Amino acid sequence: MTLTLTLLCLFAFLAGFIDAVVGGGGLIQLPAMLLLLKGVPVPTILGTGKVSSLAGTSAALQRYAGKVPMRWRAVGAAAVTAGMFSFAGSRVVSLLPAALLRPLVLGLLVVIAIYTFWRKDFGAIHAPRLPENKEPLYGILIGALLGFYDGFFGPGTGSFLLFAFVGLFGYDFITSSASAKLVNVATNVASLAYFAFTDQILYRVALPMAVCNILGSTLGARMALRRGTGFMRVLFLVVVCGIIVKLGYDTFQQT
């Protein structure tokens, strides 16, 4: 168990680092947990992972706080809505096969990658394009869709949020990453509440992983602030392409 926990902590650190910058840390952490915690029910693995994810995302958000301007009306509306729909998604996940979402998610990620490659200035300039009074409405829509998705399925939620804040709202990568962290904290809190209430968390595994995720997230957020939007754009493309490969492999394995 000591070796298993050590490996899980290493993956949690790496997941925290990636997630703090461009999202997608779940792509690293969840497969590692499924591989190393054989015999543990999947809902328990999901609940255990949420402890680590929440800790790391909160640490990254704290790192961004005060250093990145936030559009609180829009981001706050998205966070509150996402939290409610994430709880609903966690409830529904036991009723529907998550595999049904894989082809749709895969297609969306391919479009996102192509668009980001094509738009060389994507996320480089902070130029909000929506009227300020409409931003909360779009925030509610984004929060509902991606909050439910995070509770129900999960992989790539942080990257989807980042893309939404850049592509739809017109924020730069730094501001979008900070905004995505706030929404992700809300989804993780709501989903974790469900798993905790149903007693589906291995705390002896979750707590050490949470510490390592915090360390990785703190380092990742610090590097993002130091290196700027160009670095984040490149890493965003790397992570999105990684998710495409992983989901593509899983999808075709099941056909």
Protein backbone atom coordinates (compact mmCIF):
# COMPACT_ATOMS: atom_id res chain seq x y z
CA MET A 1 0.00 0.00 0.00
CA THR A 2 2.96 2.32 0.68
CA LEU A 3 4.22 2.09 -2.92
CA THR A 4 0.69 2.52 -4.27
CA LEU A 5 0.11 5.62 -2.16
CA THR A 6 3.48 7.07 -3.20
CA LEU A 7 2.62 6.64 -6.88
CA LEU A 8 -0.83 8.13 -6.37
CA CYS A 9 0.73 11.15 -4.66
CA LEU A 10 3.14 11.65 -7.57
CA PHE A 11 0.26 11.58 -10.05
CA ALA A 12 -1.72 13.96 -7.83
CA PHE A 13 1.19 16.43 -7.85
CA LEU A 14 1.44 16.31 -11.66
CA ALA A 15 -2.34 16.61 -12.02
CA GLY A 16 -2.37 19.63 -9.73
CA PHE A 17 0.36 21.34 -11.74
CA ILE A 18 -1.38 20.83 -15.10
CA ASP A 19 -4.81 21.68 -13.75
CA ALA A 20 -3.64 24.95 -12.19
CA VAL A 21 -2.40 26.21 -15.55
CA VAL A 22 -4.86 24.99 -18.19
CA GLY A 23 -7.15 22.40 -16.63
CA GLY A 24 -7.30 18.72 -17.55
CA GLY A 25 -5.60 17.39 -14.42
CA GLY A 26 -8.31 14.77 -14.06
CA LEU A 27 -6.99 13.14 -17.22
CA ILE A 28 -3.84 12.28 -15.26
CA GLN A 29 -5.22 11.61 -11.79
CA LEU A 30 -8.34 9.55 -12.52
CA PRO A 31 -6.74 6.92 -14.82
CA ALA A 32 -3.92 6.50 -12.30
CA MET A 33 -6.42 5.88 -9.50
CA LEU A 34 -8.41 3.42 -11.59
CA LEU A 35 -5.20 1.53 -12.38
CA LEU A 36 -3.66 1.53 -8.90
CA LEU A 37 -6.78 1.09 -6.75
CA LYS A 38 -7.97 -2.18 -8.24
CA GLY A 39 -10.99 -3.65 -6.52
CA VAL A 40 -12.20 -0.28 -5.24
CA PRO A 41 -15.67 0.68 -6.56
CA VAL A 42 -15.58 3.40 -9.20
CA PRO A 43 -17.85 5.81 -7.25
CA THR A 44 -15.45 5.55 -4.29
CA ILE A 45 -12.51 6.33 -6.58
CA LEU A 46 -14.38 9.35 -7.95
CA GLY A 47 -15.19 10.57 -4.45
CA THR A 48 -11.61 10.08 -3.24
CA GLY A 49 -10.27 11.95 -6.26
CA LYS A 50 -12.60 14.88 -5.63
CA VAL A 51 -10.91 15.55 -2.27
CA SER A 52 -7.55 15.90 -4.00
CA SER A 53 -8.97 17.94 -6.88
CA LEU A 54 -10.78 20.36 -4.59
CA ALA A 55 -7.67 20.93 -2.48
CA GLY A 56 -5.47 21.64 -5.49
CA THR A 57 -8.00 23.82 -7.29
CA SER A 58 -8.56 25.89 -4.14
CA ALA A 59 -4.80 26.37 -3.74
CA ALA A 60 -4.48 27.53 -7.36
CA LEU A 61 -7.41 29.92 -6.94
CA GLN A 62 -5.80 31.38 -3.82
CA ARG A 63 -2.59 31.90 -5.79
CA TYR A 64 -4.43 33.78 -8.54
CA ALA A 65 -6.48 35.86 -6.09
CA GLY A 66 -5.43 39.48 -5.96
CA LYS A 67 -3.09 39.08 -8.94
CA VAL A 68 -5.67 38.55 -11.71
CA PRO A 69 -8.72 40.79 -12.33
CA MET A 70 -12.01 38.91 -12.03
CA ARG A 71 -15.39 39.72 -13.58
CA TRP A 72 -17.25 38.68 -10.45
CA ARG A 73 -20.84 38.93 -11.72
CA ALA A 74 -20.22 36.59 -14.63
CA VAL A 75 -17.86 34.20 -12.86
CA GLY A 76 -19.95 34.15 -9.68
CA ALA A 77 -23.11 33.31 -11.61
CA ALA A 78 -21.27 30.52 -13.42
CA ALA A 79 -19.85 29.14 -10.15
CA VAL A 80 -23.16 29.02 -8.27
CA THR A 81 -25.00 27.42 -11.19
CA ALA A 82 -22.16 24.96 -11.83
CA GLY A 83 -22.20 23.84 -8.21
CA MET A 84 -25.90 23.00 -8.31
CA PHE A 85 -25.69 21.17 -11.61
CA SER A 86 -22.53 19.31 -10.58
CA PHE A 87 -24.41 17.81 -7.63
CA ALA A 88 -27.18 16.76 -10.03
CA GLY A 89 -24.62 15.25 -12.39
CA SER A 90 -23.10 13.19 -9.58
CA ARG A 91 -26.54 11.81 -8.82
CA VAL A 92 -27.30 10.96 -12.45
CA VAL A 93 -23.95 9.28 -13.10
CA SER A 94 -25.16 6.09 -11.44
CA LEU A 95 -28.19 5.93 -13.75
CA LEU A 96 -26.70 6.51 -17.20
CA PRO A 97 -23.59 5.09 -18.93
CA ALA A 98 -20.93 7.79 -19.09
CA ALA A 99 -19.59 6.18 -22.29
CA LEU A 100 -22.48 7.75 -24.20
CA LEU A 101 -20.78 11.14 -23.82
CA ARG A 102 -17.36 10.08 -25.12
CA PRO A 103 -17.97 10.57 -28.89
CA LEU A 104 -19.55 14.00 -28.34
CA VAL A 105 -16.77 15.18 -26.03
CA LEU A 106 -14.13 13.85 -28.40
CA GLY A 107 -15.61 15.80 -31.31
CA LEU A 108 -15.81 19.02 -29.28
CA LEU A 109 -12.18 18.73 -28.21
CA VAL A 110 -11.01 18.22 -31.80
CA VAL A 111 -12.85 21.41 -32.81
CA ILE A 112 -11.32 23.30 -29.87
CA ALA A 113 -7.79 22.17 -30.78
CA ILE A 114 -8.21 23.13 -34.47
CA TYR A 115 -9.64 26.53 -33.56
CA THR A 116 -6.84 27.27 -31.08
CA PHE A 117 -4.16 26.27 -33.61
CA TRP A 118 -5.83 28.43 -36.26
CA ARG A 119 -6.28 31.54 -34.08
CA LYS A 120 -2.70 32.47 -33.21
CA ASP A 121 -3.87 35.36 -31.02
CA PHE A 122 -6.43 33.21 -29.17
CA GLY A 123 -6.28 34.12 -25.48
CA ALA A 124 -3.41 36.58 -25.91
CA ILE A 125 -5.45 39.76 -25.37
CA HIS A 126 -7.91 40.48 -22.56
CA ALA A 127 -10.81 42.13 -24.41
CA PRO A 128 -14.23 41.22 -22.93
CA ARG A 129 -16.66 41.13 -25.83
CA LEU A 130 -20.03 40.66 -24.10
CA PRO A 131 -22.14 43.51 -22.65
CA GLU A 132 -21.56 43.55 -18.90
CA ASN A 133 -25.26 43.07 -18.12
CA LYS A 134 -25.35 39.89 -20.26
CA GLU A 135 -22.24 38.25 -18.84
CA PRO A 136 -24.09 36.72 -15.83
CA LEU A 137 -26.67 35.12 -18.16
CA TYR A 138 -23.94 33.48 -20.22
CA GLY A 139 -22.22 32.53 -16.96
CA ILE A 140 -25.34 30.70 -15.82
CA LEU A 141 -25.53 28.82 -19.13
CA ILE A 142 -21.86 27.81 -19.01
CA GLY A 143 -22.18 26.85 -15.34
CA ALA A 144 -25.23 24.66 -15.99
CA LEU A 145 -23.70 22.77 -18.91
CA LEU A 146 -20.19 22.27 -17.60
CA GLY A 147 -21.24 21.85 -13.97
CA PHE A 148 -23.48 18.94 -14.89
CA TYR A 149 -20.77 17.51 -17.15
CA ASP A 150 -18.19 17.68 -14.35
CA GLY A 151 -20.43 15.87 -11.89
CA PHE A 152 -21.48 13.27 -14.43
CA PHE A 153 -18.32 12.57 -16.44
CA GLY A 154 -15.50 14.99 -15.69
CA PRO A 155 -12.36 14.72 -17.87
CA GLY A 156 -11.46 18.01 -19.53
CA THR A 157 -13.87 20.19 -17.53
CA GLY A 158 -11.15 22.69 -16.64
CA SER A 159 -10.07 22.94 -20.28
CA PHE A 160 -13.68 23.42 -21.43
CA LEU A 161 -14.14 26.20 -18.87
CA LEU A 162 -10.92 27.86 -19.97
CA PHE A 163 -11.96 27.70 -23.62
CA ALA A 164 -15.41 29.13 -22.77
CA PHE A 165 -13.99 32.12 -20.90
CA VAL A 166 -11.48 32.82 -23.69
CA GLY A 167 -13.66 32.09 -26.72
CA LEU A 168 -17.06 33.30 -25.54
CA PHE A 169 -16.25 36.00 -22.99
CA GLY A 170 -13.05 37.31 -24.63
CA TYR A 171 -10.83 36.99 -21.55
CA ASP A 172 -7.11 36.28 -21.88
CA PHE A 173 -5.67 32.94 -20.74
CA ILE A 174 -4.55 34.21 -17.32
CA THR A 175 -7.94 35.71 -16.41
CA SER A 176 -9.76 32.71 -17.90
CA SER A 177 -7.65 30.27 -15.88
CA ALA A 178 -8.39 32.11 -12.64
CA SER A 179 -12.11 32.28 -13.50
CA ALA A 180 -12.19 28.58 -14.38
CA LYS A 181 -10.62 27.74 -11.01
CA LEU A 182 -13.43 29.51 -9.13
CA VAL A 183 -16.09 27.61 -11.08
CA ASN A 184 -14.17 24.34 -10.64
CA VAL A 185 -14.03 24.86 -6.87
CA ALA A 186 -17.83 25.14 -6.85
CA THR A 187 -18.31 21.97 -8.91
CA ASN A 188 -15.85 20.04 -6.75
CA VAL A 189 -17.48 21.16 -3.49
CA ALA A 190 -20.94 20.12 -4.69
CA SER A 191 -19.80 16.78 -6.10
CA LEU A 192 -17.69 16.05 -3.02
CA ALA A 193 -20.69 16.77 -0.79
CA TYR A 194 -22.61 14.02 -2.56
CA PHE A 195 -19.79 11.47 -2.30
CA ALA A 196 -19.16 12.34 1.36
CA PHE A 197 -22.86 12.03 2.19
CA THR A 198 -22.98 8.59 0.56
CA ASP A 199 -19.73 7.54 2.33
CA GLN A 200 -17.72 6.97 -0.85
CA ILE A 201 -14.33 8.47 0.09
CA LEU A 202 -11.10 6.71 1.16
CA TYR A 203 -9.70 9.42 3.42
CA ARG A 204 -6.40 7.59 4.07
CA VAL A 205 -5.69 7.90 0.35
CA ALA A 206 -7.47 11.18 -0.33
CA LEU A 207 -5.69 13.33 2.27
CA PRO A 208 -2.05 12.59 1.25
CA MET A 209 -3.05 13.03 -2.39
CA ALA A 210 -4.67 16.35 -1.52
CA VAL A 211 -1.43 17.64 0.00
CA CYS A 212 0.52 16.71 -3.15
CA ASN A 213 -2.14 18.19 -5.40
CA ILE A 214 -1.88 21.47 -3.47
CA LEU A 215 1.90 21.52 -3.97
CA GLY A 216 1.54 20.88 -7.70
CA SER A 217 -1.24 23.48 -8.08
CA THR A 218 0.74 26.14 -6.24
CA LEU A 219 3.76 25.57 -8.47
CA GLY A 220 1.61 25.51 -11.62
CA ALA A 221 -0.22 28.76 -10.79
CA ARG A 222 3.08 30.47 -9.94
CA MET A 223 4.57 29.41 -13.28
CA ALA A 224 1.46 30.53 -15.19
CA LEU A 225 1.65 33.99 -13.64
CA ARG A 226 5.36 34.23 -14.39
CA ARG A 227 5.36 32.86 -17.96
CA GLY A 228 2.16 34.53 -19.21
CA THR A 229 -0.40 33.74 -21.90
CA GLY A 230 1.98 32.39 -24.56
CA PHE A 231 3.15 29.59 -22.29
CA MET A 232 -0.44 28.83 -21.29
CA ARG A 233 -1.62 28.66 -24.91
CA VAL A 234 1.02 26.05 -25.77
CA LEU A 235 0.29 23.98 -22.66
CA PHE A 236 -3.44 24.25 -23.30
CA LEU A 237 -2.97 22.73 -26.76
CA VAL A 238 -0.79 19.95 -25.35
CA VAL A 239 -3.37 19.05 -22.70
CA VAL A 240 -6.33 19.20 -25.12
CA CYS A 241 -4.48 16.95 -27.58
CA GLY A 242 -3.69 14.57 -24.73
CA ILE A 243 -7.35 14.39 -23.76
CA ILE A 244 -8.29 13.78 -27.41
CA VAL A 245 -5.87 10.84 -27.61
CA LYS A 246 -7.09 9.37 -24.30
CA LEU A 247 -10.80 9.73 -25.04
CA GLY A 248 -10.30 8.58 -28.62
CA TYR A 249 -8.54 5.43 -27.43
CA ASP A 250 -11.25 4.73 -24.82
CA THR A 251 -14.03 5.34 -27.36
CA PHE A 252 -12.65 3.02 -30.04
CA GLN A 253 -11.77 0.36 -27.48
CA GLN A 254 -15.47 0.10 -26.64
CA THR A 255 -16.65 -0.20 -30.25
